[in-house]
Protein backbone atom coordinates (compact mmCIF):
# COMPACT_ATOMS: atom_id res chain seq x y z
CA MET A 1 0.10 0.11 0.15
CA ILE A 2 2.71 2.70 0.79
CA GLN A 3 4.86 1.18 -1.93
CA THR A 4 1.66 1.76 -4.19
CA LYS A 5 1.05 5.49 -2.67
CA LYS A 6 4.63 6.40 -3.67
CA GLU A 7 4.65 5.53 -7.10
CA THR A 8 1.58 8.25 -7.17
CA GLU A 9 3.14 10.55 -5.60
CA THR A 10 6.60 10.00 -7.82
CA ASN A 11 3.94 9.61 -11.25
CA GLU A 12 2.21 12.89 -10.03
CA LEU A 13 5.59 14.53 -9.25
CA LYS A 14 6.94 12.92 -12.85
CA LEU A 15 3.91 14.52 -14.38
CA GLN A 16 4.19 17.99 -12.37
CA ILE A 17 7.86 18.05 -13.56
CA GLU A 18 7.03 17.25 -16.79
CA LYS A 19 4.43 19.87 -16.93
CA LYS A 20 6.25 22.35 -15.69
CA LEU A 21 9.53 21.78 -17.86
CA VAL A 22 7.22 22.47 -20.62
CA THR A 23 6.03 25.35 -19.18
CA MET A 24 9.68 26.71 -18.77
CA GLU A 25 10.78 25.40 -22.44
CA ASN A 26 8.09 27.42 -23.82
CA ASN A 27 9.11 30.16 -21.61
CA LEU A 28 12.21 30.08 -22.74
CA HIS A 29 11.00 29.55 -26.43
CA GLU A 30 9.45 33.22 -25.97
CA LYS A 31 12.28 34.72 -24.18
CA ASN A 32 14.51 33.49 -26.75
CA MET A 33 12.20 34.69 -29.92
CA LYS A 34 11.83 37.63 -27.73
CA PHE A 35 15.63 38.29 -27.33
CA CYS A 36 16.37 37.10 -31.03
CA ASP A 37 14.01 40.57 -32.20
CA THR A 38 15.95 42.81 -29.59
CA LEU A 39 19.21 41.74 -31.39
CA ALA A 40 17.60 41.81 -34.78
CA TYR A 41 15.96 45.52 -33.50
CA ASN A 42 19.68 46.36 -32.44
CA ASN A 43 21.35 45.90 -35.66
CA LYS A 44 18.92 47.24 -37.15
CA ILE A 45 20.19 50.83 -35.21
CA ARG A 46 23.79 50.00 -35.74
CA HIS A 47 22.90 49.93 -39.43
CA GLU A 48 20.78 53.05 -39.18
CA ILE A 49 23.87 54.75 -37.35
CA GLU A 50 26.45 53.45 -39.72
CA CYS A 51 24.48 54.87 -42.51
CA ALA A 52 23.25 57.97 -41.12
CA ARG A 53 27.38 58.37 -40.71
CA ASN A 54 27.72 57.64 -44.25
CA GLU A 55 25.04 60.33 -45.33
CA ARG A 56 26.42 62.39 -43.24
CA ASN A 57 30.18 62.04 -44.57
CA ILE A 58 28.84 62.18 -48.07
CA TYR A 59 26.34 65.73 -47.26
CA TYR A 60 30.30 67.17 -45.84
CA ALA A 61 32.24 66.48 -49.21
CA ILE A 62 28.85 67.54 -51.40
CA HIS A 63 29.16 70.99 -49.45
CA GLN A 64 32.81 71.35 -50.12
CA LYS A 65 32.27 71.04 -53.19
CA LEU A 66 29.43 72.98 -54.02
CA LYS A 67 31.84 75.21 -51.54
CA ASP A 68 34.30 75.25 -53.85
CA LYS A 69 31.86 75.91 -56.79
CA LEU A 70 30.64 78.60 -55.71
CA ILE A 71 33.62 80.17 -55.08
CA HIS A 72 34.35 79.09 -58.89
CA LEU A 73 31.20 80.99 -59.84
CA ASN A 74 31.60 84.11 -57.59
CA LYS A 75 35.75 84.27 -59.26
CA LEU A 76 34.06 83.58 -62.51
CA LYS A 77 31.61 86.40 -61.95
CA ILE A 78 33.87 88.97 -61.18
CA LYS A 79 35.72 88.54 -63.80
CA LEU A 80 33.37 88.75 -66.35
CA ILE A 81 32.43 92.25 -64.63
CA GLN A 82 35.82 93.52 -65.26
CA GLN A 83 35.20 92.07 -68.94
CA ALA A 84 32.33 93.56 -69.25
CA SER A 85 34.21 97.22 -67.83
CA LEU A 86 37.01 96.99 -69.77
CA THR A 87 34.30 96.48 -72.59
CA TYR A 88 32.34 99.59 -72.12
CA ASP A 89 35.66 101.30 -71.33
CA GLN A 90 36.60 100.70 -74.77
CA ARG A 91 33.14 101.33 -76.79
CA ALA A 92 33.14 104.77 -74.45
CA ASP A 93 36.85 105.36 -75.98
CA ALA A 94 35.53 104.19 -79.37
CA LYS A 95 32.29 106.76 -79.44
CA ASN A 96 34.67 109.60 -78.41
CA LYS A 97 37.43 108.92 -80.91
CA SER A 98 34.01 108.53 -83.03
CA ASN A 99 32.87 112.30 -82.27
CA ALA A 100 36.16 113.47 -82.17
CA LEU A 101 36.48 112.14 -86.36
CA LYS A 102 33.15 113.47 -87.13
CA GLU A 103 34.31 117.17 -85.28
CA LYS A 104 36.99 117.21 -87.06
CA ASN A 105 35.78 116.06 -90.74
CA ASP A 106 32.82 119.16 -90.03
CA LYS A 107 36.06 121.35 -90.14
CA ASP A 108 37.74 119.88 -92.60
CA ASN A 109 34.35 119.91 -94.85
CA ILE A 110 33.87 123.86 -93.74
CA GLY A 111 37.38 124.84 -94.51
CA PHE A 112 37.07 123.13 -97.50
CA GLU A 113 34.07 124.97 -98.85
CA THR A 114 35.33 127.93 -98.11
CA GLU A 115 38.75 127.14 -99.88
CA MET A 116 37.01 125.96 -102.77
CA LYS A 117 34.27 129.04 -102.98
CA ASP A 118 37.95 131.34 -102.63
CA LEU A 119 39.57 128.76 -105.61
CA GLN A 120 35.74 128.82 -107.89
CA ARG A 121 35.60 132.64 -107.61
CA ILE A 122 39.49 132.77 -108.62
CA ILE A 123 39.15 130.69 -111.24
CA ASP A 124 35.74 132.41 -112.46
CA HIS A 125 37.60 135.75 -112.58
CA ASN A 126 40.56 133.86 -114.64
CA ASP A 127 37.33 132.70 -117.05
CA GLN A 128 36.14 136.19 -117.39
CA LEU A 129 39.60 136.92 -118.42
CA LYS A 130 40.67 135.26 -120.62
CA LYS A 131 37.25 135.45 -122.62
CA PHE A 132 37.85 139.28 -122.23
CA MET A 133 41.31 139.24 -123.70
CA THR A 134 40.18 135.91 -126.29
CA ILE A 135 37.61 138.70 -127.46
CA LYS A 136 39.87 141.70 -127.60
CA SER A 137 42.81 139.87 -129.90
CA ASP A 138 39.99 138.35 -131.56
CA GLU A 139 38.84 142.70 -132.19
CA ARG A 140 42.11 142.94 -132.85
CA LEU A 141 42.37 140.38 -135.45
CA ASP A 142 39.21 141.58 -136.97
CA TRP A 143 40.48 145.22 -137.05
CA LYS A 144 43.86 144.34 -138.82
CA GLN A 145 41.69 142.44 -141.45
CA LYS A 146 39.60 145.78 -142.06
CA ALA A 147 42.79 147.73 -142.22
CA GLU A 148 44.52 145.61 -144.88
CA ASN A 149 41.04 145.42 -146.51
CA ARG A 150 41.31 149.68 -146.16
CA ARG A 151 44.75 150.60 -147.81
CA ARG A 152 43.91 147.83 -150.41
CA LYS A 153 41.02 150.00 -150.85
CA TYR A 154 42.20 153.56 -150.19
CA GLY A 155 45.93 152.76 -150.25
CA ALA A 156 48.74 153.53 -147.93
CA THR A 157 49.84 156.92 -148.72
CA GLY A 158 45.81 158.34 -148.23
CA GLU A 159 45.02 161.00 -145.58
CA ILE A 160 42.16 158.27 -144.78
CA ALA A 161 44.27 155.83 -144.13
CA GLN A 162 46.55 158.05 -142.24
CA GLN A 163 43.70 159.25 -140.05
CA GLN A 164 42.37 155.67 -139.42
CA ARG A 165 46.26 154.69 -138.60
CA SER A 166 46.21 157.57 -136.36
CA ILE A 167 43.09 156.53 -134.69
CA LYS A 168 44.42 152.63 -134.82
CA ILE A 169 47.43 153.86 -132.79
CA GLN A 170 45.26 156.00 -130.33
CA GLU A 171 43.67 152.90 -129.77
CA TYR A 172 46.71 150.46 -129.17
CA GLU A 173 48.13 153.68 -127.01
CA SER A 174 44.89 153.82 -124.51
CA ALA A 175 44.59 150.16 -124.63
CA MET A 176 48.53 149.75 -123.45
CA ASN A 177 47.40 151.90 -120.80
CA ARG A 178 44.76 150.23 -119.65
CA LEU A 179 46.99 147.01 -119.48
CA GLN A 180 49.88 149.50 -117.73
CA LEU A 181 47.01 150.17 -115.56
CA ILE A 182 45.62 146.95 -114.63
CA THR A 183 49.01 145.95 -114.56
CA ARG A 184 50.90 148.77 -112.98
CA LYS A 185 53.77 147.85 -115.44
CA SER A 186 54.86 149.59 -117.94
CA ASP A 187 57.43 147.24 -120.25
CA VAL A 188 55.48 145.26 -122.49
CA GLU A 189 57.93 141.77 -121.71
CA GLN A 190 57.03 142.84 -117.50
CA MET A 191 53.91 142.64 -119.21
CA THR A 192 54.16 139.94 -120.81
CA ARG A 193 55.65 137.82 -117.67
CA TYR A 194 53.50 139.17 -115.77
CA TYR A 195 50.64 137.50 -117.79
CA LYS A 196 52.34 134.06 -117.87
CA ARG A 197 53.38 134.01 -114.54
CA ASN A 198 49.14 134.47 -113.74
CA GLU A 199 48.76 131.86 -116.20
CA ASP A 200 51.12 129.46 -114.14
CA ASP A 201 49.68 130.49 -111.38
CA ASN A 202 46.24 129.77 -111.91
CA PHE A 203 47.11 126.47 -114.06
CA THR A 204 49.05 125.74 -110.62
CA MET A 205 45.63 126.40 -108.64
CA PHE A 206 44.14 123.85 -110.92
CA LYS A 207 45.72 121.09 -109.95
CA TYR A 208 45.88 122.28 -106.45
CA VAL A 209 42.06 122.40 -106.35
CA THR A 210 42.25 119.22 -108.32
CA GLU A 211 44.28 117.37 -105.32
CA LEU A 212 41.83 118.83 -102.51
CA ASN A 213 39.21 117.24 -104.48
CA ASN A 214 40.67 113.60 -104.90
CA GLN A 215 41.81 113.89 -101.46
CA ILE A 216 38.20 114.78 -100.11
CA GLU A 217 36.66 111.99 -101.81
CA CYS A 218 39.90 110.10 -99.84
CA LEU A 219 38.52 111.36 -97.22
CA ASN A 220 34.49 110.84 -97.94
CA ASP A 221 35.58 107.62 -98.34
CA ASN A 222 37.51 106.89 -95.21
CA ILE A 223 34.21 108.34 -92.90
CA ILE A 224 32.08 106.00 -94.65
CA ASN A 225 34.53 102.91 -93.70
CA ILE A 226 35.14 104.80 -89.92
CA GLU A 227 30.87 104.66 -89.98
CA LYS A 228 30.35 100.90 -90.66
CA THR A 229 33.50 100.43 -88.40
CA ILE A 230 31.37 101.83 -85.74
CA ASN A 231 27.98 100.56 -86.55
CA GLU A 232 30.26 97.13 -86.40
CA TYR A 233 31.16 97.81 -82.90
CA ASP A 234 28.15 98.64 -81.99
CA GLU A 235 26.78 95.52 -83.45
CA GLU A 236 29.06 93.53 -81.91
CA GLN A 237 29.22 95.48 -78.43
CA LYS A 238 24.88 95.26 -78.23
CA VAL A 239 25.33 90.98 -78.82
CA PHE A 240 28.03 90.75 -76.54
CA GLU A 241 25.83 93.29 -74.46
CA ARG A 242 22.82 90.42 -74.73
CA GLN A 243 25.21 87.36 -74.36
CA ARG A 244 26.36 88.89 -71.17
CA VAL A 245 23.32 89.54 -69.86
CA ASN A 246 22.38 85.86 -71.08
CA LYS A 247 25.13 84.64 -69.25
CA MET A 248 25.18 86.27 -65.78
CA THR A 249 20.85 85.13 -65.57
CA GLU A 250 22.43 81.83 -65.98
CA LEU A 251 24.56 82.29 -63.70
CA GLN A 252 22.26 83.72 -60.90
CA ALA A 253 19.83 80.77 -61.82
CA GLN A 254 22.70 78.04 -61.12
CA ILE A 255 23.99 79.96 -57.41
CA LYS A 256 20.72 80.54 -56.85
CA SER A 257 19.80 76.49 -57.17
CA ASP A 258 23.00 76.27 -55.40
CA LYS A 259 22.03 77.70 -52.97
CA GLU A 260 18.92 75.71 -52.38
CA ALA A 261 20.71 72.82 -52.79
CA ALA A 262 23.17 73.59 -50.30
CA ASN A 263 19.96 74.65 -47.83
CA THR A 264 18.20 71.08 -48.25
CA ALA A 265 21.25 69.40 -47.32
CA GLU A 266 21.97 71.44 -44.42
CA ASN A 267 18.63 71.21 -43.27
CA ARG A 268 18.63 67.37 -43.96
CA THR A 269 21.80 67.40 -41.92
CA ILE A 270 20.55 68.90 -38.96
CA HIS A 271 17.86 67.03 -38.90
CA ILE A 272 20.21 63.84 -38.83
CA HIS A 273 22.47 65.56 -36.06
CA LYS A 274 18.71 65.50 -34.40
CA LEU A 275 17.91 61.82 -34.85
CA LEU A 276 21.31 60.99 -33.82
CA ASP A 277 20.85 63.16 -30.94
CA GLN A 278 18.42 61.10 -29.84
CA ILE A 279 19.27 57.94 -30.43
CA LYS A 280 22.23 58.41 -28.01
CA THR A 281 19.92 59.60 -25.36
CA GLU A 282 17.66 56.58 -25.96
CA ILE A 283 21.37 54.03 -25.73
CA LYS A 284 22.34 56.73 -22.35
CA GLN A 285 19.21 55.93 -20.58
CA LEU A 286 19.25 52.64 -21.37
CA THR A 287 22.61 52.22 -19.75
CA ILE A 288 21.21 53.63 -17.02
CA LYS A 289 18.39 51.85 -16.80
CA LEU A 290 19.92 48.16 -17.06
CA GLY A 291 22.83 49.69 -15.06
CA CYS A 292 25.79 48.72 -17.33
CA ASP A 293 29.08 48.70 -16.21
CA LEU A 294 30.63 51.26 -18.23
CA SER A 295 34.60 51.91 -16.62
CA GLY A 296 35.83 49.49 -19.28
CA ILE A 297 34.79 52.76 -21.70
CA THR A 298 35.90 55.25 -18.90
CA GLU A 299 39.28 53.65 -18.41
CA MET A 300 39.87 53.58 -22.34
CA LEU A 301 38.34 56.81 -23.41
CA GLY A 302 39.81 58.66 -20.93
CA GLY A 303 37.21 61.76 -19.46
CA ASP A 304 35.41 61.33 -23.47
CA GLY A 305 33.61 57.84 -22.61
CA ASP A 306 31.12 59.79 -20.18
CA GLN A 307 29.06 61.17 -22.95
CA ILE A 308 28.21 59.07 -25.77
CA THR A 309 29.76 60.26 -28.83
CA GLU A 310 29.86 58.89 -31.99
CA ARG A 311 33.27 57.33 -31.81
CA ASN A 312 32.41 55.70 -28.40
CA LEU A 313 29.00 54.81 -30.14
CA MET A 314 29.65 51.19 -30.55
CA LEU A 315 30.87 50.35 -27.25
CA TYR A 316 28.26 51.37 -25.29
CA LEU A 317 26.22 49.49 -27.54
CA ASN A 318 28.50 46.61 -27.18
CA VAL A 319 28.43 46.47 -23.23
CA LEU A 320 24.46 47.37 -24.19
CA GLU A 321 24.03 43.96 -25.47
CA GLN A 322 26.54 42.10 -22.56
CA ARG A 323 24.36 43.63 -20.47
CA VAL A 324 21.39 42.02 -21.67
CA ASP A 325 23.30 38.75 -22.44
CA GLU A 326 23.62 38.64 -18.68
CA LEU A 327 20.19 39.91 -17.73
CA LEU A 328 18.34 37.09 -20.07
CA SER A 329 21.39 34.45 -18.45
CA VAL A 330 19.60 35.83 -14.92
CA LYS A 331 16.38 35.42 -15.90
CA CYS A 332 15.99 31.85 -18.01
CA TYR A 333 18.10 30.94 -14.40
CA SER A 334 15.50 32.05 -12.46
CA GLN A 335 12.75 30.22 -14.45
CA THR A 336 14.94 26.95 -14.47
CA LYS A 337 14.83 27.39 -10.72
CA GLY A 338 11.08 27.60 -10.04
CA HIS A 339 11.02 30.87 -7.89
CA SER A 340 8.19 31.72 -7.32
CA ASP A 341 6.82 35.53 -7.64
CA GLU A 342 8.18 36.50 -4.21
CA MET A 343 11.61 34.89 -4.71
CA ILE A 344 12.13 36.58 -7.71
CA GLN A 345 11.24 39.75 -5.94
CA GLU A 346 13.51 39.49 -3.12
CA ASN A 347 16.03 38.76 -5.57
CA PRO A 348 17.63 42.03 -6.82
CA LYS A 349 19.12 40.20 -10.29
CA ILE A 350 15.77 38.66 -11.29
CA THR A 351 13.64 41.78 -10.11
CA LEU A 352 16.71 44.30 -12.74
CA ALA A 353 16.32 41.12 -15.13
CA THR A 354 12.33 41.10 -15.12
CA ASN A 355 12.56 45.56 -15.73
CA PHE A 356 14.84 45.00 -18.37
CA MET A 357 12.53 42.95 -20.50
CA GLU A 358 9.29 45.64 -19.20
CA THR A 359 11.86 48.42 -20.28
CA VAL A 360 12.65 46.57 -23.56
CA ARG A 361 9.17 45.37 -24.34
CA THR A 362 8.50 49.73 -24.24
CA ASN A 363 11.50 50.79 -25.75
CA ARG A 364 10.22 48.04 -28.84
CA ASP A 365 7.38 50.14 -28.96
CA THR A 366 9.17 53.58 -29.45
CA SER A 367 9.19 54.32 -33.33
CA LEU A 368 12.72 56.16 -34.43
CA VAL A 369 12.23 57.37 -38.08
CA LEU A 370 15.73 57.88 -39.36
CA PRO A 371 15.97 59.13 -43.00
CA SER A 372 16.35 56.74 -45.88
CA LEU A 373 19.71 56.35 -47.65
CA GLN A 374 19.60 56.29 -51.63
CA ASP A 375 23.32 55.05 -51.87
CA GLU A 376 25.33 52.18 -51.78
CA ASP A 377 25.60 48.59 -50.27
CA ASP A 378 22.49 48.19 -48.70
CA THR A 379 22.34 44.47 -49.37
CA ASN A 380 25.51 43.59 -48.26
CA ASP A 381 24.91 44.06 -44.59
CA ASP A 382 23.54 40.65 -43.77
CA GLU A 383 25.81 38.94 -45.59
CA ASN A 384 29.20 40.35 -43.35
CA THR A 385 27.16 40.75 -40.33
CA PRO A 386 29.38 39.78 -37.24
CA THR A 387 29.08 36.94 -34.83
CA SER A 388 28.46 39.50 -32.06
CA ILE A 389 25.62 41.37 -33.50
CA ARG A 390 23.74 38.29 -35.28
CA PRO A 391 21.05 36.98 -33.44
CA LEU A 392 22.05 33.56 -31.96
CA SER A 393 20.70 30.55 -32.30
CA GLN A 394 18.80 28.13 -29.75
CA ALA A 395 21.50 25.92 -28.86
CA GLU A 396 24.06 29.62 -28.66
CA ILE A 397 22.02 30.87 -26.33
CA ILE A 398 21.20 27.56 -24.32
CA GLY A 399 24.97 26.82 -23.97
CA ARG A 400 25.34 30.53 -22.55
CA VAL A 401 22.95 30.81 -20.34
CA THR A 402 24.55 27.57 -18.90
CA ARG A 403 27.65 29.02 -18.56
CA GLN A 404 26.19 31.59 -16.32
CA LEU A 405 24.04 29.86 -14.81
CA GLN A 406 27.10 27.42 -13.40
CA LYS A 407 28.85 30.58 -12.69
CA LEU A 408 26.59 32.09 -10.30
CA GLU A 409 25.81 28.71 -8.68
CA ALA A 410 29.22 28.18 -7.62
CA LYS A 411 29.42 32.20 -6.67
CA HIS A 412 26.59 31.87 -4.54
CA HIS A 413 25.51 28.24 -3.41
CA PRO A 414 29.46 27.22 -2.79
CA SER A 415 28.22 24.24 -0.89
CA MET A 416 26.29 22.91 -3.52
CA ASN A 417 27.51 19.93 -5.76
CA THR A 418 29.20 21.45 -9.04
CA ASN A 419 28.74 18.49 -10.72
CA LYS A 420 24.83 19.17 -12.30
CA THR A 421 25.23 19.93 -15.71
CA TYR A 422 22.69 20.43 -17.95
CA SER A 423 21.68 20.10 -21.48
CA ARG A 424 19.00 20.35 -23.97
CA VAL A 425 17.95 17.13 -25.35
CA SER A 426 16.37 17.51 -28.71
CA SER A 427 13.12 16.14 -29.12
CA PRO A 428 10.09 16.45 -30.93
CA ASN A 429 8.14 18.19 -27.13
CA ARG A 430 11.21 20.58 -27.30
CA ARG A 431 12.06 19.24 -23.88
CA LEU A 432 14.59 20.70 -21.07
CA LYS A 433 15.38 17.54 -19.07
CA ILE A 434 18.10 18.22 -15.93
CA ARG A 435 20.68 15.49 -15.49
CA MET A 436 21.84 14.83 -12.03
């Protein structure tokens, strides 16, 4: 009877142990899933931080490039302004020269017209004198012919002929007196030389007038050519002015677009810095809540280890991950030992593990919106994920938890048998069996 009762109690105890093992295995599987999710979320945050750093470097490169381009555009703008000023000065000089040439041409035309009038008056006077002399010469020939006819008619010794001769002599004397009065010369040879000299002077004046006419024609041609050149320069200046205005408009539009791009990149960088500050604050709060040991970081970095920066961010994440592993180990150990709720509350390590799970669950609900990067190597991180940040398999978690449990048990219960081993038995129902 006693044996039957013992067997019944043993069977009930086995059933309770099996039920408890099934419950613990399910809890372990659930915690393992949560731990894997936490590691995946941690990996995602790391990847986003790295992408943000890469984007910041890209922004700095683009900002420097835009700055250099803006400096180059300012230099080009100054150069164009200098060229435009020089061209404007050259245009003003050409216009002044053109005005001076026009004024000189007007003065030359006025002098030429005055001189032409004087020469024309002299030429007209000489023509009239020549005509007069020709008429007088013709009259003299007619008179000789008439005298010859009269001589033949009346004879050489007639009174009429003598009278006519005396009259003719008087006419010659009167003509000679008039010539002397005009020329103011008393000698015939001097009068002849004076007449020839006047003829030579008239011919020289005629040649001079002809040369002046030729020079005037050349000057008129030069003036026409200069006016054509000035018109061509004016057209070229207008074309250059239009090109300069178009170029300045294009440069101003390009500078405006570059400034807008720089402002956009600056705003994006400010947004990224804000997100990085939020991430640093969250990580700092997690390290404080979980009670992470930061002495190693402080010793390694000195005074810079107190604050989270971009350089020591990965060190903080590694410390945080180690602390999460420790707390999960403590949690699994506590559930494996079957501690009640009161014992869990009394034990500070188990309470800390429970608070950590609640903190992880709360922080998982908090979403951080990071900017998407459309750059390079978006798909290569999964293949190159290091072992420290990839999700652990169930066998690795069991092994790590077993080692932590052995250390804790050896530390807190030195009197207990240290030959206990925990092993994971692969079975269809996923049960944990304890072998003494």
